[in-house]
Amino acid sequence: MSELSPLFEVFLRGRRGLDHIHVGSLHAHDAGQALEYARDTYIRRSEGVSIWVVESKDIHASQESDVASFYDPMDDKAYRHATHYTLPDGVDNM
């Protein structure tokens, strides 16, 4: 594969009802080829039910250093935190 091929990020859903999770990256000429490569690489043994491929250049994300200015923690709104609720037996976390 040439270095001129775009980089794709691969997301896999392990089974119905779960979220897609990032499992890796690969180079391919287009999205169709990226799906084929992702299938061959990440679900050889039926590890998933759905694959997403996204060109890396199309992903825009905040940086960890931006957390203070990008997100408002809302610490003054205690009702937004689940600290006042008791969990039923058998539920370890929410």
C-alpha atoms as a PDB file:
ATOM      1  CA  MET A   1       0.000   0.000   0.000  1.00  0.00           C
ATOM      2  CA  SER A   2       1.390   3.366  -0.933  1.00  0.00           C
ATOM      3  CA  GLU A   3       1.821   6.153   1.598  1.00  0.00           C
ATOM      4  CA  LEU A   4      -0.510   8.281  -0.539  1.00  0.00           C
ATOM      5  CA  SER A   5      -3.522   6.157   0.412  1.00  0.00           C
ATOM      6  CA  PRO A   6      -5.809   7.851   2.933  1.00  0.00           C
ATOM      7  CA  LEU A   7      -5.819   6.718   6.547  1.00  0.00           C
ATOM      8  CA  PHE A   8      -9.124   5.333   7.835  1.00  0.00           C
ATOM      9  CA  GLU A   9     -10.216   4.828  11.444  1.00  0.00           C
ATOM     10  CA  VAL A  10     -12.108   1.593  12.069  1.00  0.00           C
ATOM     11  CA  PHE A  11     -14.988   1.233  14.541  1.00  0.00           C
ATOM     12  CA  LEU A  12     -16.524  -2.142  15.374  1.00  0.00           C
ATOM     13  CA  ARG A  13     -19.777  -3.102  17.085  1.00  0.00           C
ATOM     14  CA  GLY A  14     -19.377  -6.450  18.804  1.00  0.00           C
ATOM     15  CA  ARG A  15     -23.072  -7.287  18.857  1.00  0.00           C
ATOM     16  CA  ARG A  16     -26.447  -5.687  18.416  1.00  0.00           C
ATOM     17  CA  GLY A  17     -27.272  -3.112  21.086  1.00  0.00           C
ATOM     18  CA  LEU A  18     -23.648  -2.204  21.843  1.00  0.00           C
ATOM     19  CA  ASP A  19     -21.840   0.938  20.766  1.00  0.00           C
ATOM     20  CA  HIS A  20     -19.231   0.961  18.031  1.00  0.00           C
ATOM     21  CA  ILE A  21     -15.720   1.210  19.503  1.00  0.00           C
ATOM     22  CA  HIS A  22     -12.484   2.269  17.843  1.00  0.00           C
ATOM     23  CA  VAL A  23     -10.366  -0.793  17.090  1.00  0.00           C
ATOM     24  CA  GLY A  24      -7.627   0.571  14.859  1.00  0.00           C
ATOM     25  CA  SER A  25      -6.541   2.343  11.704  1.00  0.00           C
ATOM     26  CA  LEU A  26      -5.655   1.269   8.183  1.00  0.00           C
ATOM     27  CA  HIS A  27      -4.695   2.724   4.815  1.00  0.00           C
ATOM     28  CA  ALA A  28      -6.947   2.151   1.775  1.00  0.00           C
ATOM     29  CA  HIS A  29      -7.680   3.829  -1.558  1.00  0.00           C
ATOM     30  CA  ASP A  30     -11.362   4.425  -0.734  1.00  0.00           C
ATOM     31  CA  ALA A  31     -14.079   3.639   1.807  1.00  0.00           C
ATOM     32  CA  GLY A  32     -15.131   0.433   0.031  1.00  0.00           C
ATOM     33  CA  GLN A  33     -11.615  -0.950   0.135  1.00  0.00           C
ATOM     34  CA  ALA A  34     -11.286   0.207   3.764  1.00  0.00           C
ATOM     35  CA  LEU A  35     -14.404  -1.813   4.661  1.00  0.00           C
ATOM     36  CA  GLU A  36     -12.946  -4.903   2.994  1.00  0.00           C
ATOM     37  CA  TYR A  37      -9.600  -4.490   4.770  1.00  0.00           C
ATOM     38  CA  ALA A  38     -11.367  -3.852   8.102  1.00  0.00           C
ATOM     39  CA  ARG A  39     -13.480  -6.977   7.641  1.00  0.00           C
ATOM     40  CA  ASP A  40     -10.412  -9.064   6.841  1.00  0.00           C
ATOM     41  CA  THR A  41      -8.421  -7.593   9.710  1.00  0.00           C
ATOM     42  CA  TYR A  42     -10.889  -7.108  12.560  1.00  0.00           C
ATOM     43  CA  ILE A  43     -13.722  -9.639  12.185  1.00  0.00           C
ATOM     44  CA  ARG A  44     -12.028 -12.750  10.829  1.00  0.00           C
ATOM     45  CA  ARG A  45     -13.631 -14.878  13.557  1.00  0.00           C
ATOM     46  CA  SER A  46     -17.066 -13.216  13.745  1.00  0.00           C
ATOM     47  CA  GLU A  47     -15.980 -10.746  16.450  1.00  0.00           C
ATOM     48  CA  GLY A  48     -18.444  -8.127  15.261  1.00  0.00           C
ATOM     49  CA  VAL A  49     -21.753  -7.412  13.584  1.00  0.00           C
ATOM     50  CA  SER A  50     -21.084  -3.950  12.154  1.00  0.00           C
ATOM     51  CA  ILE A  51     -18.060  -1.981  10.924  1.00  0.00           C
ATOM     52  CA  TRP A  52     -17.700   1.753  10.409  1.00  0.00           C
ATOM     53  CA  VAL A  53     -14.748   3.257   8.552  1.00  0.00           C
ATOM     54  CA  VAL A  54     -14.112   7.003   8.641  1.00  0.00           C
ATOM     55  CA  GLU A  55     -11.324   8.887   6.929  1.00  0.00           C
ATOM     56  CA  SER A  56      -9.077  10.248   9.660  1.00  0.00           C
ATOM     57  CA  LYS A  57      -9.087  13.709   8.061  1.00  0.00           C
ATOM     58  CA  ASP A  58     -12.852  13.901   8.683  1.00  0.00           C
ATOM     59  CA  ILE A  59     -12.594  13.435  12.456  1.00  0.00           C
ATOM     60  CA  HIS A  60     -12.475  16.605  14.507  1.00  0.00           C
ATOM     61  CA  ALA A  61     -11.906  16.334  18.243  1.00  0.00           C
ATOM     62  CA  SER A  62     -11.190  18.466  21.276  1.00  0.00           C
ATOM     63  CA  GLN A  63      -7.867  18.123  23.062  1.00  0.00           C
ATOM     64  CA  GLU A  64      -7.426  17.084  26.693  1.00  0.00           C
ATOM     65  CA  SER A  65      -5.794  20.462  27.363  1.00  0.00           C
ATOM     66  CA  ASP A  66      -9.073  22.156  26.324  1.00  0.00           C
ATOM     67  CA  VAL A  67     -11.197  20.423  28.936  1.00  0.00           C
ATOM     68  CA  ALA A  68     -11.418  23.367  31.354  1.00  0.00           C
ATOM     69  CA  SER A  69     -12.600  25.837  28.727  1.00  0.00           C
ATOM     70  CA  PHE A  70     -14.486  23.442  26.463  1.00  0.00           C
ATOM     71  CA  TYR A  71     -16.704  21.743  29.030  1.00  0.00           C
ATOM     72  CA  ASP A  72     -18.654  23.313  31.857  1.00  0.00           C
ATOM     73  CA  PRO A  73     -18.569  20.872  34.787  1.00  0.00           C
ATOM     74  CA  MET A  74     -21.873  22.138  36.237  1.00  0.00           C
ATOM     75  CA  ASP A  75     -20.650  21.446  39.775  1.00  0.00           C
ATOM     76  CA  ASP A  76     -23.233  23.895  41.107  1.00  0.00           C
ATOM     77  CA  LYS A  77     -26.071  21.649  39.870  1.00  0.00           C
ATOM     78  CA  ALA A  78     -25.928  18.663  42.184  1.00  0.00           C
ATOM     79  CA  TYR A  79     -29.086  17.154  40.712  1.00  0.00           C
ATOM     80  CA  ARG A  80     -27.107  16.332  37.546  1.00  0.00           C
ATOM     81  CA  HIS A  81     -24.918  13.903  39.464  1.00  0.00           C
ATOM     82  CA  ALA A  82     -26.260  10.491  40.442  1.00  0.00           C
ATOM     83  CA  THR A  83     -24.642  10.632  43.886  1.00  0.00           C
ATOM     84  CA  HIS A  84     -27.965  10.886  45.745  1.00  0.00           C
ATOM     85  CA  TYR A  85     -29.447   7.676  44.409  1.00  0.00           C
ATOM     86  CA  THR A  86     -29.050   4.238  45.900  1.00  0.00           C
ATOM     87  CA  LEU A  87     -28.480   1.394  43.496  1.00  0.00           C
ATOM     88  CA  PRO A  88     -30.496  -1.782  43.808  1.00  0.00           C
ATOM     89  CA  ASP A  89     -28.736  -4.998  44.786  1.00  0.00           C
ATOM     90  CA  GLY A  90     -26.976  -6.559  41.836  1.00  0.00           C
ATOM     91  CA  VAL A  91     -26.222  -3.239  40.116  1.00  0.00           C
ATOM     92  CA  ASP A  92     -22.585  -2.317  40.574  1.00  0.00           C
ATOM     93  CA  ASN A  93     -22.562   0.990  38.697  1.00  0.00           C
ATOM     94  CA  MET A  94     -24.439   3.153  36.251  1.00  0.00           C
END
